[in-house]
Amino acid sequence: MTRIAGLTGATLPTAPAVCHECIWWQSRTGRRVDKRKWIQETEEEWGAWGTVYYDDDGRVLGSMQYGPAGLFPRAAELPAGPPSDDAVLVTCAYLTDPTKPWVMQSLFLTAIGEARDRGARALEAFAYRYPDGAPVFDRFHVHKTIFPRDFLSDFGFQTMRMHGRVELVRLELGGLVPVAEGTREKVLRVVREAFVPAPAPQRP
């Protein structure tokens, strides 16, 4: 059964290998961070700091990292930053299969639900305005830490600040209904089915 698990020190080994030792978001330019220590402190204060998405056979389809903006010092250095203190920041997402575009939608829906459940006022992310006609691969697989602006617009994100083609965008969560138990699995199924081609008609 398709499922999403929290991204923690325990599930990190199952996430895409590029995520295992990466500390880009957890550090500032020219500074090193002990990721194991960061994970321990983050889980004590916040809990899971993202999600890992598995298919029906238990294979990883993608992962996403997010948490209180203060956990990610690099965000203060980015164009259009820094993020807001009251927001959960989506920092990066990694998809393993370019033929499954619905995975990114599912990861964002889960992040929205998690942020709302934990009482965050908003979800924020860095966005990029791609030129018209940019291929799907460039939009979702080349850059792992910045997301297509039009894609985030579909979720209701609004521009906070802009620097060239880069934007900091925000989704207010105050008016959203808390996510009920089991709702995420239903949402994932609906999103996945929306992107699966309809079966070819069978002859009688």
N, C-alpha and C. Protein backbone atom coordinates (compact mmCIF):
# COMPACT_ATOMS: atom_id res chain seq x y z
N MET A 1 0.84 -1.19 0.00
CA MET A 1 0.00 0.00 0.00
C MET A 1 0.89 1.26 0.00
N THR A 2 0.55 2.22 -0.84
CA THR A 2 1.28 3.48 -0.88
C THR A 2 1.19 4.16 0.48
N ARG A 3 2.33 4.66 0.96
CA ARG A 3 2.29 5.29 2.27
C ARG A 3 3.36 6.38 2.38
N ILE A 4 3.15 7.27 3.33
CA ILE A 4 4.11 8.30 3.65
C ILE A 4 4.51 8.15 5.11
N ALA A 5 5.81 8.18 5.36
CA ALA A 5 6.33 8.10 6.72
C ALA A 5 7.08 9.38 7.04
N GLY A 6 7.19 9.69 8.30
CA GLY A 6 7.94 10.86 8.71
C GLY A 6 9.42 10.71 8.40
N LEU A 7 10.06 11.79 8.01
CA LEU A 7 11.50 11.78 7.78
C LEU A 7 12.20 12.02 9.12
N THR A 8 12.91 11.02 9.59
CA THR A 8 13.59 11.06 10.88
C THR A 8 14.96 10.40 10.71
N GLY A 9 15.71 10.39 11.79
CA GLY A 9 16.98 9.68 11.75
C GLY A 9 16.80 8.21 11.43
N ALA A 10 15.66 7.64 11.84
CA ALA A 10 15.41 6.22 11.60
C ALA A 10 15.05 5.93 10.15
N THR A 11 14.30 6.84 9.50
CA THR A 11 13.88 6.60 8.12
C THR A 11 14.81 7.23 7.09
N LEU A 12 15.74 8.10 7.53
CA LEU A 12 16.65 8.75 6.59
C LEU A 12 17.41 7.76 5.70
N PRO A 13 17.86 6.60 6.22
CA PRO A 13 18.58 5.65 5.35
C PRO A 13 17.73 5.14 4.18
N THR A 14 16.41 5.21 4.27
CA THR A 14 15.56 4.76 3.17
C THR A 14 15.28 5.87 2.16
N ALA A 15 15.60 7.13 2.52
CA ALA A 15 15.40 8.26 1.62
C ALA A 15 16.45 8.23 0.52
N PRO A 16 16.27 9.00 -0.56
CA PRO A 16 17.29 9.05 -1.61
C PRO A 16 18.67 9.31 -1.03
N ALA A 17 19.69 8.64 -1.57
CA ALA A 17 21.04 8.67 -1.01
C ALA A 17 21.59 10.09 -0.91
N VAL A 18 21.20 10.96 -1.85
CA VAL A 18 21.72 12.32 -1.84
C VAL A 18 21.34 13.07 -0.56
N CYS A 19 20.30 12.62 0.12
CA CYS A 19 19.82 13.30 1.32
C CYS A 19 20.54 12.84 2.60
N HIS A 20 21.27 11.73 2.53
CA HIS A 20 21.79 11.11 3.75
C HIS A 20 22.75 12.01 4.52
N GLU A 21 23.68 12.64 3.84
CA GLU A 21 24.70 13.45 4.51
C GLU A 21 24.55 14.94 4.22
N CYS A 22 23.57 15.32 3.42
CA CYS A 22 23.44 16.72 3.02
C CYS A 22 23.13 17.62 4.23
N ILE A 23 23.88 18.70 4.36
CA ILE A 23 23.64 19.66 5.45
C ILE A 23 23.53 21.08 4.89
N TRP A 24 23.21 21.19 3.60
CA TRP A 24 23.20 22.50 2.96
C TRP A 24 22.24 23.45 3.66
N TRP A 25 21.03 23.01 3.94
CA TRP A 25 20.03 23.86 4.58
C TRP A 25 20.32 24.07 6.06
N GLN A 26 20.96 23.10 6.69
CA GLN A 26 21.22 23.17 8.13
C GLN A 26 22.41 24.05 8.48
N SER A 27 23.16 24.51 7.48
CA SER A 27 24.37 25.27 7.73
C SER A 27 24.33 26.63 7.04
N ARG A 28 25.30 27.45 7.35
CA ARG A 28 25.51 28.71 6.64
C ARG A 28 26.76 28.58 5.79
N THR A 29 26.94 29.48 4.85
CA THR A 29 28.11 29.45 3.99
C THR A 29 29.40 29.46 4.82
N GLY A 30 30.26 28.49 4.53
CA GLY A 30 31.55 28.43 5.22
C GLY A 30 31.52 27.76 6.57
N ARG A 31 30.37 27.25 6.99
CA ARG A 31 30.27 26.60 8.30
C ARG A 31 29.81 25.16 8.15
N ARG A 32 30.32 24.29 8.98
CA ARG A 32 29.93 22.88 8.99
C ARG A 32 28.99 22.60 10.16
N VAL A 33 28.14 21.60 9.97
CA VAL A 33 27.18 21.20 11.00
C VAL A 33 27.23 19.68 11.14
N ASP A 34 27.17 19.20 12.36
CA ASP A 34 27.06 17.76 12.61
C ASP A 34 25.60 17.36 12.39
N LYS A 35 25.34 16.65 11.32
CA LYS A 35 23.94 16.35 10.99
C LYS A 35 23.29 15.45 12.04
N ARG A 36 24.05 14.53 12.59
CA ARG A 36 23.46 13.65 13.61
C ARG A 36 23.01 14.45 14.83
N LYS A 37 23.81 15.42 15.21
CA LYS A 37 23.41 16.27 16.34
C LYS A 37 22.20 17.11 15.97
N TRP A 38 22.19 17.65 14.74
CA TRP A 38 21.05 18.44 14.28
C TRP A 38 19.77 17.61 14.29
N ILE A 39 19.85 16.38 13.82
CA ILE A 39 18.69 15.49 13.80
C ILE A 39 18.18 15.24 15.21
N GLN A 40 19.09 14.92 16.12
CA GLN A 40 18.69 14.64 17.50
C GLN A 40 17.98 15.84 18.14
N GLU A 41 18.56 17.02 18.00
CA GLU A 41 17.97 18.21 18.60
C GLU A 41 16.65 18.57 17.94
N THR A 42 16.58 18.41 16.63
CA THR A 42 15.35 18.74 15.91
C THR A 42 14.21 17.81 16.29
N GLU A 43 14.50 16.53 16.42
CA GLU A 43 13.45 15.58 16.76
C GLU A 43 12.98 15.74 18.20
N GLU A 44 13.86 16.17 19.07
CA GLU A 44 13.46 16.43 20.46
C GLU A 44 12.54 17.64 20.55
N GLU A 45 12.80 18.65 19.72
CA GLU A 45 12.02 19.89 19.79
C GLU A 45 10.81 19.89 18.86
N TRP A 46 10.91 19.21 17.73
CA TRP A 46 9.88 19.33 16.69
C TRP A 46 9.27 17.99 16.29
N GLY A 47 10.10 16.95 16.23
CA GLY A 47 9.64 15.66 15.73
C GLY A 47 10.16 15.43 14.32
N ALA A 48 9.42 14.67 13.54
CA ALA A 48 9.82 14.38 12.16
C ALA A 48 9.99 15.69 11.38
N TRP A 49 11.01 15.75 10.55
CA TRP A 49 11.36 16.99 9.84
C TRP A 49 11.16 16.84 8.33
N GLY A 50 10.14 16.09 7.98
CA GLY A 50 9.79 15.89 6.58
C GLY A 50 9.07 14.58 6.39
N THR A 51 9.03 14.12 5.14
CA THR A 51 8.32 12.89 4.82
C THR A 51 9.09 12.08 3.77
N VAL A 52 8.87 10.78 3.80
CA VAL A 52 9.38 9.88 2.77
C VAL A 52 8.18 9.14 2.19
N TYR A 53 8.10 9.10 0.87
CA TYR A 53 6.94 8.53 0.18
C TYR A 53 7.32 7.21 -0.47
N TYR A 54 6.61 6.14 -0.10
CA TYR A 54 6.89 4.80 -0.61
C TYR A 54 5.74 4.32 -1.51
N ASP A 55 6.09 3.52 -2.53
CA ASP A 55 5.05 2.96 -3.38
C ASP A 55 4.51 1.66 -2.79
N ASP A 56 3.65 0.98 -3.54
CA ASP A 56 2.99 -0.22 -3.02
C ASP A 56 3.98 -1.33 -2.65
N ASP A 57 5.16 -1.32 -3.29
CA ASP A 57 6.17 -2.34 -3.03
C ASP A 57 7.22 -1.90 -2.03
N GLY A 58 7.02 -0.72 -1.41
CA GLY A 58 7.96 -0.24 -0.43
C GLY A 58 9.15 0.52 -1.00
N ARG A 59 9.15 0.75 -2.31
CA ARG A 59 10.23 1.51 -2.92
C ARG A 59 9.98 3.00 -2.73
N VAL A 60 11.07 3.75 -2.56
CA VAL A 60 10.95 5.19 -2.32
C VAL A 60 10.66 5.91 -3.64
N LEU A 61 9.59 6.72 -3.63
CA LEU A 61 9.25 7.55 -4.78
C LEU A 61 9.76 8.98 -4.62
N GLY A 62 9.98 9.39 -3.40
CA GLY A 62 10.47 10.75 -3.17
C GLY A 62 10.49 11.07 -1.69
N SER A 63 11.09 12.21 -1.38
CA SER A 63 11.12 12.68 0.00
C SER A 63 11.08 14.20 0.00
N MET A 64 10.67 14.76 1.13
CA MET A 64 10.59 16.21 1.28
C MET A 64 11.06 16.57 2.68
N GLN A 65 11.81 17.65 2.80
CA GLN A 65 12.27 18.15 4.09
C GLN A 65 11.55 19.46 4.41
N TYR A 66 11.08 19.58 5.64
CA TYR A 66 10.45 20.82 6.08
C TYR A 66 10.44 20.87 7.60
N GLY A 67 10.25 22.07 8.11
CA GLY A 67 10.19 22.27 9.55
C GLY A 67 10.18 23.75 9.84
N PRO A 68 10.19 24.14 11.12
CA PRO A 68 10.23 25.55 11.46
C PRO A 68 11.40 26.24 10.75
N ALA A 69 11.14 27.42 10.24
CA ALA A 69 12.16 28.11 9.43
C ALA A 69 13.48 28.28 10.16
N GLY A 70 13.42 28.42 11.48
CA GLY A 70 14.63 28.62 12.26
C GLY A 70 15.59 27.44 12.24
N LEU A 71 15.12 26.27 11.82
CA LEU A 71 15.98 25.10 11.75
C LEU A 71 16.93 25.13 10.56
N PHE A 72 16.68 26.04 9.62
CA PHE A 72 17.42 26.03 8.36
C PHE A 72 18.10 27.39 8.11
N PRO A 73 19.28 27.61 8.71
CA PRO A 73 19.97 28.92 8.61
C PRO A 73 20.25 29.36 7.17
N ARG A 74 20.42 28.40 6.25
CA ARG A 74 20.73 28.77 4.88
C ARG A 74 19.64 29.63 4.26
N ALA A 75 18.42 29.47 4.71
CA ALA A 75 17.31 30.21 4.12
C ALA A 75 17.48 31.71 4.26
N ALA A 76 18.19 32.15 5.30
CA ALA A 76 18.39 33.58 5.50
C ALA A 76 19.32 34.18 4.46
N GLU A 77 20.09 33.33 3.77
CA GLU A 77 21.05 33.81 2.78
C GLU A 77 20.50 33.84 1.36
N LEU A 78 19.36 33.23 1.14
CA LEU A 78 18.84 33.09 -0.21
C LEU A 78 18.19 34.38 -0.71
N PRO A 79 18.21 34.59 -2.03
CA PRO A 79 17.46 35.72 -2.60
C PRO A 79 15.99 35.64 -2.20
N ALA A 80 15.39 36.75 -1.86
CA ALA A 80 14.00 36.86 -1.44
C ALA A 80 13.78 36.41 0.00
N GLY A 81 14.82 35.90 0.68
CA GLY A 81 14.68 35.52 2.07
C GLY A 81 14.81 36.74 2.98
N PRO A 82 14.75 36.51 4.30
CA PRO A 82 14.59 35.23 4.98
C PRO A 82 13.13 34.84 5.12
N PRO A 83 12.85 33.56 5.43
CA PRO A 83 11.47 33.15 5.69
C PRO A 83 10.98 33.71 7.02
N SER A 84 9.68 33.57 7.26
CA SER A 84 9.06 34.12 8.46
C SER A 84 9.26 33.21 9.66
N ASP A 85 9.37 33.80 10.84
CA ASP A 85 9.59 33.03 12.06
C ASP A 85 8.39 32.15 12.42
N ASP A 86 7.19 32.53 11.95
CA ASP A 86 5.99 31.79 12.33
C ASP A 86 5.62 30.71 11.31
N ALA A 87 6.50 30.46 10.34
CA ALA A 87 6.16 29.55 9.25
C ALA A 87 6.95 28.24 9.31
N VAL A 88 6.33 27.20 8.79
CA VAL A 88 7.04 25.97 8.46
C VAL A 88 7.58 26.15 7.05
N LEU A 89 8.87 25.89 6.86
CA LEU A 89 9.52 26.10 5.57
C LEU A 89 9.76 24.77 4.87
N VAL A 90 9.29 24.66 3.64
CA VAL A 90 9.63 23.51 2.80
C VAL A 90 10.96 23.84 2.13
N THR A 91 11.99 23.07 2.44
CA THR A 91 13.32 23.40 1.95
C THR A 91 13.69 22.68 0.67
N CYS A 92 13.29 21.43 0.52
CA CYS A 92 13.70 20.67 -0.66
C CYS A 92 12.83 19.43 -0.80
N ALA A 93 12.80 18.92 -2.03
CA ALA A 93 12.10 17.68 -2.33
C ALA A 93 12.88 16.95 -3.40
N TYR A 94 12.92 15.64 -3.29
CA TYR A 94 13.67 14.84 -4.25
C TYR A 94 12.75 13.74 -4.77
N LEU A 95 12.56 13.70 -6.08
CA LEU A 95 11.73 12.69 -6.72
C LEU A 95 12.64 11.67 -7.41
N THR A 96 12.32 10.41 -7.26
CA THR A 96 13.16 9.36 -7.85
C THR A 96 12.68 8.89 -9.21
N ASP A 97 11.44 9.21 -9.57
CA ASP A 97 10.87 8.69 -10.82
C ASP A 97 10.20 9.83 -11.59
N PRO A 98 10.80 10.26 -12.70
CA PRO A 98 10.23 11.38 -13.47
C PRO A 98 8.90 11.07 -14.14
N THR A 99 8.49 9.79 -14.14
CA THR A 99 7.22 9.43 -14.76
C THR A 99 6.05 9.55 -13.79
N LYS A 100 6.31 9.97 -12.54
CA LYS A 100 5.26 10.06 -11.52
C LYS A 100 5.17 11.49 -10.98
N PRO A 101 4.65 12.42 -11.78
CA PRO A 101 4.59 13.82 -11.34
C PRO A 101 3.69 14.06 -10.15
N TRP A 102 2.76 13.16 -9.89
CA TRP A 102 1.84 13.36 -8.78
C TRP A 102 2.51 13.23 -7.42
N VAL A 103 3.72 12.68 -7.37
CA VAL A 103 4.41 12.53 -6.10
C VAL A 103 4.68 13.89 -5.47
N MET A 104 5.07 14.89 -6.28
CA MET A 104 5.33 16.21 -5.73
C MET A 104 4.06 16.82 -5.13
N GLN A 105 2.93 16.66 -5.83
CA GLN A 105 1.66 17.16 -5.27
C GLN A 105 1.36 16.48 -3.94
N SER A 106 1.58 15.18 -3.88
CA SER A 106 1.29 14.43 -2.66
C SER A 106 2.17 14.89 -1.51
N LEU A 107 3.45 15.12 -1.78
CA LEU A 107 4.35 15.58 -0.74
C LEU A 107 3.95 16.96 -0.21
N PHE A 108 3.54 17.85 -1.10
CA PHE A 108 3.11 19.17 -0.65
C PHE A 108 1.81 19.09 0.14
N LEU A 109 0.88 18.27 -0.30
CA LEU A 109 -0.37 18.12 0.45
C LEU A 109 -0.09 17.61 1.86
N THR A 110 0.85 16.69 1.98
CA THR A 110 1.20 16.18 3.30
C THR A 110 1.85 17.25 4.15
N ALA A 111 2.75 18.05 3.55
CA ALA A 111 3.40 19.13 4.30
C ALA A 111 2.38 20.15 4.80
N ILE A 112 1.40 20.47 3.96
CA ILE A 112 0.34 21.41 4.36
C ILE A 112 -0.43 20.85 5.55
N GLY A 113 -0.81 19.57 5.45
CA GLY A 113 -1.55 18.95 6.55
C GLY A 113 -0.75 18.88 7.84
N GLU A 114 0.53 18.52 7.73
CA GLU A 114 1.39 18.43 8.92
C GLU A 114 1.56 19.80 9.58
N ALA A 115 1.82 20.81 8.76
CA ALA A 115 2.01 22.15 9.32
C ALA A 115 0.75 22.62 10.03
N ARG A 116 -0.40 22.37 9.42
CA ARG A 116 -1.67 22.77 10.04
C ARG A 116 -1.91 22.00 11.33
N ASP A 117 -1.63 20.71 11.33
CA ASP A 117 -1.84 19.89 12.51
C ASP A 117 -0.96 20.35 13.68
N ARG A 118 0.21 20.86 13.37
CA ARG A 118 1.15 21.26 14.41
C ARG A 118 0.96 22.71 14.84
N GLY A 119 -0.03 23.36 14.29
CA GLY A 119 -0.36 24.70 14.74
C GLY A 119 0.41 25.83 14.09
N ALA A 120 1.11 25.54 12.98
CA ALA A 120 1.85 26.60 12.28
C ALA A 120 0.87 27.57 11.64
N ARG A 121 1.26 28.82 11.55
CA ARG A 121 0.40 29.84 10.94
C ARG A 121 0.47 29.80 9.42
N ALA A 122 1.58 29.28 8.88
CA ALA A 122 1.75 29.31 7.43
C ALA A 122 2.78 28.29 6.99
N LEU A 123 2.74 27.98 5.70
CA LEU A 123 3.77 27.18 5.06
C LEU A 123 4.44 28.08 4.02
N GLU A 124 5.78 28.08 4.01
CA GLU A 124 6.52 28.91 3.06
C GLU A 124 7.49 28.06 2.25
N ALA A 125 7.87 28.58 1.09
CA ALA A 125 8.83 27.89 0.23
C ALA A 125 9.45 28.93 -0.71
N PHE A 126 10.57 28.57 -1.29
CA PHE A 126 11.18 29.42 -2.31
C PHE A 126 10.73 28.94 -3.68
N ALA A 127 10.34 29.89 -4.51
CA ALA A 127 9.78 29.57 -5.82
C ALA A 127 10.61 30.23 -6.92
N TYR A 128 10.46 29.70 -8.14
CA TYR A 128 11.18 30.23 -9.29
C TYR A 128 10.21 30.34 -10.47
N ARG A 129 10.26 31.48 -11.12
CA ARG A 129 9.41 31.69 -12.30
C ARG A 129 10.13 31.18 -13.54
N TYR A 130 9.79 29.97 -13.94
CA TYR A 130 10.40 29.38 -15.12
C TYR A 130 9.83 30.03 -16.38
N PRO A 131 10.62 30.11 -17.43
CA PRO A 131 10.10 30.63 -18.69
C PRO A 131 9.04 29.70 -19.27
N ASP A 132 8.14 30.25 -20.06
CA ASP A 132 7.11 29.43 -20.69
C ASP A 132 7.76 28.32 -21.51
N GLY A 133 7.18 27.13 -21.40
CA GLY A 133 7.68 26.01 -22.18
C GLY A 133 8.81 25.24 -21.55
N ALA A 134 9.22 25.61 -20.32
CA ALA A 134 10.28 24.86 -19.65
C ALA A 134 9.82 23.42 -19.43
N PRO A 135 10.66 22.44 -19.77
CA PRO A 135 10.25 21.04 -19.66
C PRO A 135 10.00 20.62 -18.21
N VAL A 136 9.15 19.62 -18.05
CA VAL A 136 8.82 19.11 -16.72
C VAL A 136 10.07 18.66 -15.98
N PHE A 137 11.00 18.03 -16.68
CA PHE A 137 12.22 17.55 -16.02
C PHE A 137 12.98 18.71 -15.38
N ASP A 138 13.12 19.82 -16.11
CA ASP A 138 13.82 20.98 -15.54
C ASP A 138 13.08 21.54 -14.35
N ARG A 139 11.76 21.55 -14.41
CA ARG A 139 10.95 22.18 -13.38
C ARG A 139 10.91 21.39 -12.08
N PHE A 140 10.98 20.06 -12.17
CA PHE A 140 10.80 19.26 -10.96
C PHE A 140 11.96 18.34 -10.60
N HIS A 141 12.95 18.19 -11.49
CA HIS A 141 14.02 17.24 -11.21
C HIS A 141 15.42 17.85 -11.22
N VAL A 142 15.61 18.99 -11.85
CA VAL A 142 16.92 19.61 -11.87
C VAL A 142 17.18 20.34 -10.56
N HIS A 143 16.25 21.20 -10.17
CA HIS A 143 16.38 21.95 -8.91
C HIS A 143 15.58 21.24 -7.83
N LYS A 144 16.24 20.95 -6.72
CA LYS A 144 15.59 20.22 -5.63
C LYS A 144 15.19 21.13 -4.47
N THR A 145 15.64 22.39 -4.50
CA THR A 145 15.40 23.27 -3.35
C THR A 145 14.55 24.49 -3.70
N ILE A 146 14.08 24.56 -4.91
CA ILE A 146 13.26 25.69 -5.33
C ILE A 146 12.18 25.14 -6.25
N PHE A 147 10.97 25.65 -6.14
CA PHE A 147 9.82 25.02 -6.78
C PHE A 147 9.18 25.94 -7.81
N PRO A 148 8.58 25.39 -8.86
CA PRO A 148 7.94 26.22 -9.89
C PRO A 148 6.86 27.11 -9.28
N ARG A 149 6.90 28.41 -9.62
CA ARG A 149 5.95 29.36 -9.05
C ARG A 149 4.52 29.02 -9.42
N ASP A 150 4.27 28.63 -10.67
CA ASP A 150 2.89 28.33 -11.07
C ASP A 150 2.37 27.08 -10.37
N PHE A 151 3.25 26.13 -10.09
CA PHE A 151 2.87 24.93 -9.36
C PHE A 151 2.41 25.29 -7.95
N LEU A 152 3.15 26.17 -7.27
CA LEU A 152 2.77 26.57 -5.92
C LEU A 152 1.52 27.46 -5.92
N SER A 153 1.32 28.19 -7.00
CA SER A 153 0.11 29.02 -7.11
C SER A 153 -1.15 28.16 -7.04
N ASP A 154 -1.08 26.96 -7.58
CA ASP A 154 -2.24 26.07 -7.57
C ASP A 154 -2.65 25.68 -6.16
N PHE A 155 -1.72 25.74 -5.21
CA PHE A 155 -2.02 25.44 -3.82
C PHE A 155 -2.48 26.68 -3.06
N GLY A 156 -2.35 27.85 -3.67
CA GLY A 156 -2.77 29.09 -3.01
C GLY A 156 -1.64 29.90 -2.41
N PHE A 157 -0.38 29.56 -2.69
CA PHE A 157 0.73 30.33 -2.16
C PHE A 157 0.74 31.74 -2.75
N GLN A 158 1.06 32.72 -1.90
CA GLN A 158 1.12 34.12 -2.32
C GLN A 158 2.55 34.64 -2.17
N THR A 159 2.95 35.56 -3.03
CA THR A 159 4.31 36.10 -3.00
C THR A 159 4.51 37.00 -1.79
N MET A 160 5.60 36.74 -1.06
CA MET A 160 6.02 37.60 0.06
C MET A 160 7.06 38.61 -0.41
N ARG A 161 8.10 38.10 -1.05
CA ARG A 161 9.18 38.94 -1.57
C ARG A 161 9.69 38.34 -2.87
N MET A 162 10.29 39.18 -3.70
CA MET A 162 10.78 38.75 -5.00
C MET A 162 12.18 39.30 -5.23
N HIS A 163 13.03 38.48 -5.83
CA HIS A 163 14.37 38.91 -6.21
C HIS A 163 14.67 38.28 -7.56
N GLY A 164 14.52 39.05 -8.63
CA GLY A 164 14.64 38.48 -9.97
C GLY A 164 13.54 37.46 -10.20
N ARG A 165 13.91 36.25 -10.60
CA ARG A 165 12.93 35.19 -10.83
C ARG A 165 12.64 34.36 -9.58
N VAL A 166 13.35 34.65 -8.49
CA VAL A 166 13.18 33.90 -7.25
C VAL A 166 12.18 34.62 -6.34
N GLU A 167 11.28 33.86 -5.72
CA GLU A 167 10.29 34.43 -4.80
C GLU A 167 10.24 33.61 -3.52
N LEU A 168 9.93 34.28 -2.44
CA LEU A 168 9.53 33.61 -1.21
C LEU A 168 8.02 33.66 -1.18
N VAL A 169 7.38 32.49 -1.13
CA VAL A 169 5.92 32.44 -1.19
C VAL A 169 5.37 31.83 0.09
N ARG A 170 4.11 32.17 0.41
CA ARG A 170 3.51 31.80 1.69
C ARG A 170 2.07 31.35 1.50
N LEU A 171 1.73 30.29 2.20
CA LEU A 171 0.35 29.79 2.25
C LEU A 171 -0.15 29.94 3.67
N GLU A 172 -1.12 30.82 3.88
CA GLU A 172 -1.69 30.99 5.21
C GLU A 172 -2.53 29.77 5.57
N LEU A 173 -2.37 29.30 6.81
CA LEU A 173 -3.05 28.07 7.23
C LEU A 173 -4.17 28.32 8.22
N GLY A 174 -4.36 29.55 8.64
CA GLY A 174 -5.33 29.84 9.68
C GLY A 174 -6.74 29.40 9.37
N GLY A 175 -7.12 29.43 8.08
CA GLY A 175 -8.49 29.09 7.74
C GLY A 175 -8.69 27.65 7.31
N LEU A 176 -7.60 26.85 7.34
CA LEU A 176 -7.71 25.48 6.89
C LEU A 176 -8.25 24.58 8.00
N VAL A 177 -8.99 23.58 7.63
CA VAL A 177 -9.54 22.62 8.59
C VAL A 177 -8.46 21.61 8.95
N PRO A 178 -8.28 21.29 10.23
CA PRO A 178 -7.28 20.30 10.60
C PRO A 178 -7.47 18.99 9.84
N VAL A 179 -6.36 18.33 9.52
CA VAL A 179 -6.41 17.09 8.76
C VAL A 179 -6.82 15.94 9.67
N ALA A 180 -7.88 15.25 9.32
CA ALA A 180 -8.37 14.15 10.12
C ALA A 180 -7.51 12.91 9.91
N GLU A 181 -7.53 12.01 10.86
CA GLU A 181 -6.77 10.77 10.75
C GLU A 181 -7.24 9.99 9.53
N GLY A 182 -6.30 9.55 8.72
CA GLY A 182 -6.64 8.78 7.53
C GLY A 182 -6.88 9.63 6.30
N THR A 183 -7.00 10.94 6.46
CA THR A 183 -7.29 11.80 5.31
C THR A 183 -6.12 11.83 4.33
N ARG A 184 -4.88 11.82 4.85
CA ARG A 184 -3.73 11.90 3.95
C ARG A 184 -3.71 10.75 2.96
N GLU A 185 -3.99 9.54 3.45
CA GLU A 185 -3.97 8.39 2.56
C GLU A 185 -5.02 8.54 1.46
N LYS A 186 -6.17 9.07 1.82
CA LYS A 186 -7.22 9.28 0.82
C LYS A 186 -6.79 10.33 -0.20
N VAL A 187 -6.18 11.43 0.30
CA VAL A 187 -5.72 12.48 -0.60
C VAL A 187 -4.66 11.94 -1.54
N LEU A 188 -3.73 11.15 -1.03
CA LEU A 188 -2.68 10.59 -1.88
C LEU A 188 -3.27 9.73 -2.98
N ARG A 189 -4.29 8.93 -2.63
CA ARG A 189 -4.91 8.07 -3.63
C ARG A 189 -5.61 8.89 -4.71
N VAL A 190 -6.32 9.94 -4.28
CA VAL A 190 -7.04 10.78 -5.25
C VAL A 190 -6.06 11.48 -6.18
N VAL A 191 -4.97 12.03 -5.62
CA VAL A 191 -3.99 12.72 -6.45
C VAL A 191 -3.34 11.75 -7.42
N ARG A 192 -2.98 10.58 -6.93
CA ARG A 192 -2.32 9.60 -7.80
C ARG A 192 -3.24 9.19 -8.95
N GLU A 193 -4.50 8.92 -8.62
CA GLU A 193 -5.43 8.49 -9.65
C GLU A 193 -5.67 9.58 -10.69
N ALA A 194 -5.57 10.84 -10.26
CA ALA A 194 -5.79 11.94 -11.20
C ALA A 194 -4.71 12.00 -12.26
N PHE A 195 -3.52 11.45 -11.95
CA PHE A 195 -2.42 11.51 -12.90
C PHE A 195 -2.19 10.19 -13.64
N VAL A 196 -2.94 9.15 -13.30
CA VAL A 196 -2.79 7.88 -13.97
C VAL A 196 -3.70 7.86 -15.21
N PRO A 197 -3.15 7.54 -16.40
CA PRO A 197 -3.99 7.52 -17.59
C PRO A 197 -5.14 6.54 -17.46
N ALA A 198 -6.27 6.92 -18.02
CA ALA A 198 -7.44 6.05 -17.99
C ALA A 198 -7.15 4.77 -18.77
N PRO A 199 -7.63 3.61 -18.32
CA PRO A 199 -7.36 2.37 -19.04
C PRO A 199 -8.02 2.38 -20.43
N ALA A 200 -7.35 1.72 -21.35
CA ALA A 200 -7.89 1.64 -22.70
C ALA A 200 -9.17 0.84 -22.70
N PRO A 201 -10.19 1.24 -23.49
CA PRO A 201 -11.44 0.48 -23.54
C PRO A 201 -11.21 -0.94 -24.07
N GLN A 202 -11.87 -1.87 -23.44
CA GLN A 202 -11.74 -3.27 -23.82
C GLN A 202 -12.86 -3.68 -24.78
N ARG A 203 -12.48 -4.49 -25.78
CA ARG A 203 -13.50 -4.98 -26.69
C ARG A 203 -14.31 -6.09 -26.01
N PRO A 204 -15.61 -6.12 -26.29
CA PRO A 204 -16.43 -7.18 -25.68
C PRO A 204 -16.04 -8.55 -26.22
